[in-house]
Amino acid sequence: MRHFLKIVVVVLTLFLAHCKERPTQEIKTEEITFSKEGTLHIFRKDSLLVTLDMEFAETDYEVQTGLMYRQSIKDNQGMLFIFPDVAMHSFYMKNTEFPLDIIFIDENQRIASFQKNAQPLNEAGLSSTVPVKFVLEINAGLSDRWNLMEGDSITYTKD
């Protein structure tokens, strides 16, 4: 029995030594900040309505992430999603922490439809009403403040 107790003590000692608290690794989280990659202009006929600083979402990762994990953007900023195809595109607000106006834009760079005041963290699908090639995300309420309408057009340049 003594031999058995010695074995138990040795096993427990080895087990406890192995389970010794390891220093915790610090998880670094950096706030995602806006990075100006270009400029977008919105027009009604020949009149300039607004000019915005733009980030572009073109890769699969950028399109899937969009404006997620950010606290906010400024009113003169937005994100333009550029798709390789003209199709019905749907968005949701999962992991997006502030409300957005989602503007669907056709292949002729004309506003085709809106999803206004998309609510933070909502996973409901928000779809275009017609096939589109571009989607512009801006702070909620701006499309009404600027009186944007279907048929208004955009141009954009990359820095």
C-alpha atoms as a PDB file:
ATOM      1  CA  MET A   1       0.000   0.000   0.000  1.00  0.00           C
ATOM      2  CA  ARG A   2       2.890   2.350   0.758  1.00  0.00           C
ATOM      3  CA  HIS A   3       4.277   1.743  -2.699  1.00  0.00           C
ATOM      4  CA  PHE A   4       0.880   2.602  -4.204  1.00  0.00           C
ATOM      5  CA  LEU A   5       0.685   5.859  -2.189  1.00  0.00           C
ATOM      6  CA  LYS A   6       4.179   6.857  -3.392  1.00  0.00           C
ATOM      7  CA  ILE A   7       3.086   6.303  -6.982  1.00  0.00           C
ATOM      8  CA  VAL A   8      -0.067   8.381  -6.429  1.00  0.00           C
ATOM      9  CA  VAL A   9       1.986  11.213  -4.861  1.00  0.00           C
ATOM     10  CA  VAL A  10       4.466  11.162  -7.776  1.00  0.00           C
ATOM     11  CA  VAL A  11       1.680  11.151 -10.365  1.00  0.00           C
ATOM     12  CA  LEU A  12      -0.152  13.995  -8.606  1.00  0.00           C
ATOM     13  CA  THR A  13       3.081  15.990  -8.313  1.00  0.00           C
ATOM     14  CA  LEU A  14       3.804  15.529 -12.023  1.00  0.00           C
ATOM     15  CA  PHE A  15       0.217  16.393 -12.883  1.00  0.00           C
ATOM     16  CA  LEU A  16       0.251  19.553 -10.774  1.00  0.00           C
ATOM     17  CA  ALA A  17       3.623  20.583 -12.177  1.00  0.00           C
ATOM     18  CA  HIS A  18       2.251  20.154 -15.691  1.00  0.00           C
ATOM     19  CA  CYS A  19      -0.889  22.127 -14.857  1.00  0.00           C
ATOM     20  CA  LYS A  20       1.090  24.952 -13.265  1.00  0.00           C
ATOM     21  CA  GLU A  21      -0.426  28.272 -14.192  1.00  0.00           C
ATOM     22  CA  ARG A  22       1.075  29.570 -17.375  1.00  0.00           C
ATOM     23  CA  PRO A  23       1.345  33.297 -17.898  1.00  0.00           C
ATOM     24  CA  THR A  24      -1.698  34.524 -19.773  1.00  0.00           C
ATOM     25  CA  GLN A  25      -1.082  35.930 -23.202  1.00  0.00           C
ATOM     26  CA  GLU A  26      -2.360  39.419 -23.747  1.00  0.00           C
ATOM     27  CA  ILE A  27      -4.841  39.592 -26.577  1.00  0.00           C
ATOM     28  CA  LYS A  28      -4.233  42.734 -28.540  1.00  0.00           C
ATOM     29  CA  THR A  29      -7.251  44.312 -30.134  1.00  0.00           C
ATOM     30  CA  GLU A  30      -6.840  47.434 -32.183  1.00  0.00           C
ATOM     31  CA  GLU A  31      -9.750  49.548 -33.245  1.00  0.00           C
ATOM     32  CA  ILE A  32     -10.252  49.416 -36.984  1.00  0.00           C
ATOM     33  CA  THR A  33      -9.984  52.954 -38.269  1.00  0.00           C
ATOM     34  CA  PHE A  34     -10.997  54.476 -41.575  1.00  0.00           C
ATOM     35  CA  SER A  35      -8.334  54.436 -44.255  1.00  0.00           C
ATOM     36  CA  LYS A  36      -9.014  56.780 -47.178  1.00  0.00           C
ATOM     37  CA  GLU A  37      -8.440  54.918 -50.445  1.00  0.00           C
ATOM     38  CA  GLY A  38     -10.221  57.295 -52.797  1.00  0.00           C
ATOM     39  CA  THR A  39     -13.059  59.734 -53.355  1.00  0.00           C
ATOM     40  CA  LEU A  40     -16.688  59.334 -54.413  1.00  0.00           C
ATOM     41  CA  HIS A  41     -18.980  62.026 -55.828  1.00  0.00           C
ATOM     42  CA  ILE A  42     -22.766  61.829 -55.970  1.00  0.00           C
ATOM     43  CA  PHE A  43     -24.561  63.860 -58.656  1.00  0.00           C
ATOM     44  CA  ARG A  44     -28.095  64.741 -59.627  1.00  0.00           C
ATOM     45  CA  LYS A  45     -27.946  65.472 -63.341  1.00  0.00           C
ATOM     46  CA  ASP A  46     -24.945  67.838 -63.560  1.00  0.00           C
ATOM     47  CA  SER A  47     -25.105  69.117 -59.980  1.00  0.00           C
ATOM     48  CA  LEU A  48     -22.698  67.763 -57.377  1.00  0.00           C
ATOM     49  CA  LEU A  49     -24.630  66.751 -54.250  1.00  0.00           C
ATOM     50  CA  VAL A  50     -21.829  65.432 -52.037  1.00  0.00           C
ATOM     51  CA  THR A  51     -18.191  64.330 -52.027  1.00  0.00           C
ATOM     52  CA  LEU A  52     -17.063  61.498 -49.758  1.00  0.00           C
ATOM     53  CA  ASP A  53     -13.772  59.966 -48.682  1.00  0.00           C
ATOM     54  CA  MET A  54     -13.950  56.286 -49.565  1.00  0.00           C
ATOM     55  CA  GLU A  55     -12.716  52.892 -48.533  1.00  0.00           C
ATOM     56  CA  PHE A  56     -13.191  50.182 -51.148  1.00  0.00           C
ATOM     57  CA  ALA A  57     -14.311  46.605 -50.553  1.00  0.00           C
ATOM     58  CA  GLU A  58     -13.268  44.424 -53.457  1.00  0.00           C
ATOM     59  CA  THR A  59     -11.668  41.228 -52.139  1.00  0.00           C
ATOM     60  CA  ASP A  60     -13.803  38.455 -50.644  1.00  0.00           C
ATOM     61  CA  TYR A  61     -12.511  39.304 -47.157  1.00  0.00           C
ATOM     62  CA  GLU A  62     -13.198  43.033 -47.539  1.00  0.00           C
ATOM     63  CA  VAL A  63     -16.702  42.365 -48.884  1.00  0.00           C
ATOM     64  CA  GLN A  64     -17.515  39.924 -46.080  1.00  0.00           C
ATOM     65  CA  THR A  65     -16.150  42.229 -43.358  1.00  0.00           C
ATOM     66  CA  GLY A  66     -17.292  45.631 -44.646  1.00  0.00           C
ATOM     67  CA  LEU A  67     -17.697  48.079 -41.764  1.00  0.00           C
ATOM     68  CA  MET A  68     -17.900  45.384 -39.082  1.00  0.00           C
ATOM     69  CA  TYR A  69     -15.998  45.789 -35.823  1.00  0.00           C
ATOM     70  CA  ARG A  70     -15.835  49.593 -36.039  1.00  0.00           C
ATOM     71  CA  GLN A  71     -17.274  52.114 -33.645  1.00  0.00           C
ATOM     72  CA  SER A  72     -18.259  54.643 -36.325  1.00  0.00           C
ATOM     73  CA  ILE A  73     -17.305  56.515 -39.458  1.00  0.00           C
ATOM     74  CA  LYS A  74     -17.557  60.241 -40.119  1.00  0.00           C
ATOM     75  CA  ASP A  75     -20.347  61.753 -42.189  1.00  0.00           C
ATOM     76  CA  ASN A  76     -17.912  62.516 -45.018  1.00  0.00           C
ATOM     77  CA  GLN A  77     -16.788  58.866 -45.198  1.00  0.00           C
ATOM     78  CA  GLY A  78     -18.210  55.709 -46.707  1.00  0.00           C
ATOM     79  CA  MET A  79     -17.399  52.265 -48.044  1.00  0.00           C
ATOM     80  CA  LEU A  80     -17.988  51.305 -51.668  1.00  0.00           C
ATOM     81  CA  PHE A  81     -18.388  47.611 -52.448  1.00  0.00           C
ATOM     82  CA  ILE A  82     -17.374  46.820 -56.018  1.00  0.00           C
ATOM     83  CA  PHE A  83     -18.624  43.458 -57.249  1.00  0.00           C
ATOM     84  CA  PRO A  84     -17.272  41.585 -60.274  1.00  0.00           C
ATOM     85  CA  ASP A  85     -20.836  40.787 -61.363  1.00  0.00           C
ATOM     86  CA  VAL A  86     -24.180  42.478 -61.737  1.00  0.00           C
ATOM     87  CA  ALA A  87     -26.544  40.570 -59.444  1.00  0.00           C
ATOM     88  CA  MET A  88     -28.954  40.813 -56.563  1.00  0.00           C
ATOM     89  CA  HIS A  89     -26.770  41.530 -53.534  1.00  0.00           C
ATOM     90  CA  SER A  90     -27.849  41.204 -49.932  1.00  0.00           C
ATOM     91  CA  PHE A  91     -26.215  42.637 -46.810  1.00  0.00           C
ATOM     92  CA  TYR A  92     -26.707  42.231 -43.079  1.00  0.00           C
ATOM     93  CA  MET A  93     -25.514  44.168 -40.044  1.00  0.00           C
ATOM     94  CA  LYS A  94     -23.900  41.336 -38.073  1.00  0.00           C
ATOM     95  CA  ASN A  95     -21.014  42.772 -36.039  1.00  0.00           C
ATOM     96  CA  THR A  96     -21.727  46.273 -37.382  1.00  0.00           C
ATOM     97  CA  GLU A  97     -22.032  48.556 -34.371  1.00  0.00           C
ATOM     98  CA  PHE A  98     -23.694  51.648 -35.831  1.00  0.00           C
ATOM     99  CA  PRO A  99     -26.693  52.212 -38.146  1.00  0.00           C
ATOM    100  CA  LEU A 100     -26.142  52.591 -41.886  1.00  0.00           C
ATOM    101  CA  ASP A 101     -27.872  53.635 -45.060  1.00  0.00           C
ATOM    102  CA  ILE A 102     -27.123  51.012 -47.705  1.00  0.00           C
ATOM    103  CA  ILE A 103     -27.311  52.370 -51.249  1.00  0.00           C
ATOM    104  CA  PHE A 104     -27.517  49.906 -54.148  1.00  0.00           C
ATOM    105  CA  ILE A 105     -26.008  51.181 -57.410  1.00  0.00           C
ATOM    106  CA  ASP A 106     -26.390  49.648 -60.876  1.00  0.00           C
ATOM    107  CA  GLU A 107     -23.711  48.957 -63.496  1.00  0.00           C
ATOM    108  CA  ASN A 108     -24.300  52.441 -64.986  1.00  0.00           C
ATOM    109  CA  GLN A 109     -23.340  53.955 -61.617  1.00  0.00           C
ATOM    110  CA  ARG A 110     -26.891  55.120 -60.892  1.00  0.00           C
ATOM    111  CA  ILE A 111     -28.622  54.679 -57.544  1.00  0.00           C
ATOM    112  CA  ALA A 112     -31.105  51.839 -57.977  1.00  0.00           C
ATOM    113  CA  SER A 113     -32.487  51.342 -54.440  1.00  0.00           C
ATOM    114  CA  PHE A 114     -31.923  51.977 -50.745  1.00  0.00           C
ATOM    115  CA  GLN A 115     -32.045  50.172 -47.426  1.00  0.00           C
ATOM    116  CA  LYS A 116     -32.221  53.088 -44.998  1.00  0.00           C
ATOM    117  CA  ASN A 117     -31.386  53.034 -41.303  1.00  0.00           C
ATOM    118  CA  ALA A 118     -30.096  49.448 -41.191  1.00  0.00           C
ATOM    119  CA  GLN A 119     -29.920  48.610 -37.485  1.00  0.00           C
ATOM    120  CA  PRO A 120     -26.697  47.592 -35.698  1.00  0.00           C
ATOM    121  CA  LEU A 121     -26.057  43.890 -35.086  1.00  0.00           C
ATOM    122  CA  ASN A 122     -29.207  42.838 -36.980  1.00  0.00           C
ATOM    123  CA  GLU A 123     -28.699  39.686 -39.044  1.00  0.00           C
ATOM    124  CA  ALA A 124     -31.766  40.106 -41.257  1.00  0.00           C
ATOM    125  CA  GLY A 125     -30.941  40.191 -44.962  1.00  0.00           C
ATOM    126  CA  LEU A 126     -31.133  43.598 -46.645  1.00  0.00           C
ATOM    127  CA  SER A 127     -31.304  43.115 -50.390  1.00  0.00           C
ATOM    128  CA  SER A 128     -31.216  45.241 -53.490  1.00  0.00           C
ATOM    129  CA  THR A 129     -34.516  45.376 -55.370  1.00  0.00           C
ATOM    130  CA  VAL A 130     -32.783  45.012 -58.755  1.00  0.00           C
ATOM    131  CA  PRO A 131     -29.439  43.566 -59.880  1.00  0.00           C
ATOM    132  CA  VAL A 132     -26.547  45.918 -58.964  1.00  0.00           C
ATOM    133  CA  LYS A 133     -22.762  46.133 -59.292  1.00  0.00           C
ATOM    134  CA  PHE A 134     -21.962  48.557 -56.443  1.00  0.00           C
ATOM    135  CA  VAL A 135     -23.124  49.127 -52.894  1.00  0.00           C
ATOM    136  CA  LEU A 136     -22.367  52.267 -50.891  1.00  0.00           C
ATOM    137  CA  GLU A 137     -22.570  52.272 -47.084  1.00  0.00           C
ATOM    138  CA  ILE A 138     -22.838  55.589 -45.236  1.00  0.00           C
ATOM    139  CA  ASN A 139     -24.064  56.697 -41.824  1.00  0.00           C
ATOM    140  CA  ALA A 140     -27.802  56.256 -41.341  1.00  0.00           C
ATOM    141  CA  GLY A 141     -29.851  59.329 -42.153  1.00  0.00           C
ATOM    142  CA  LEU A 142     -27.414  60.849 -44.627  1.00  0.00           C
ATOM    143  CA  SER A 143     -29.271  59.700 -47.744  1.00  0.00           C
ATOM    144  CA  ASP A 144     -32.331  61.614 -46.478  1.00  0.00           C
ATOM    145  CA  ARG A 145     -30.280  64.622 -45.340  1.00  0.00           C
ATOM    146  CA  TRP A 146     -28.701  64.852 -48.802  1.00  0.00           C
ATOM    147  CA  ASN A 147     -32.060  64.085 -50.457  1.00  0.00           C
ATOM    148  CA  LEU A 148     -30.565  61.238 -52.511  1.00  0.00           C
ATOM    149  CA  MET A 149     -32.930  59.645 -55.002  1.00  0.00           C
ATOM    150  CA  GLU A 150     -33.028  56.694 -57.338  1.00  0.00           C
ATOM    151  CA  GLY A 151     -31.402  57.784 -60.576  1.00  0.00           C
ATOM    152  CA  ASP A 152     -28.725  59.964 -58.928  1.00  0.00           C
ATOM    153  CA  SER A 153     -25.277  58.954 -60.167  1.00  0.00           C
ATOM    154  CA  ILE A 154     -21.849  58.367 -58.695  1.00  0.00           C
ATOM    155  CA  THR A 155     -18.283  58.661 -59.880  1.00  0.00           C
ATOM    156  CA  TYR A 156     -15.275  57.482 -57.902  1.00  0.00           C
ATOM    157  CA  THR A 157     -11.505  57.600 -58.076  1.00  0.00           C
ATOM    158  CA  LYS A 158      -8.934  55.549 -56.241  1.00  0.00           C
ATOM    159  CA  ASP A 159      -5.897  57.211 -54.673  1.00  0.00           C
END
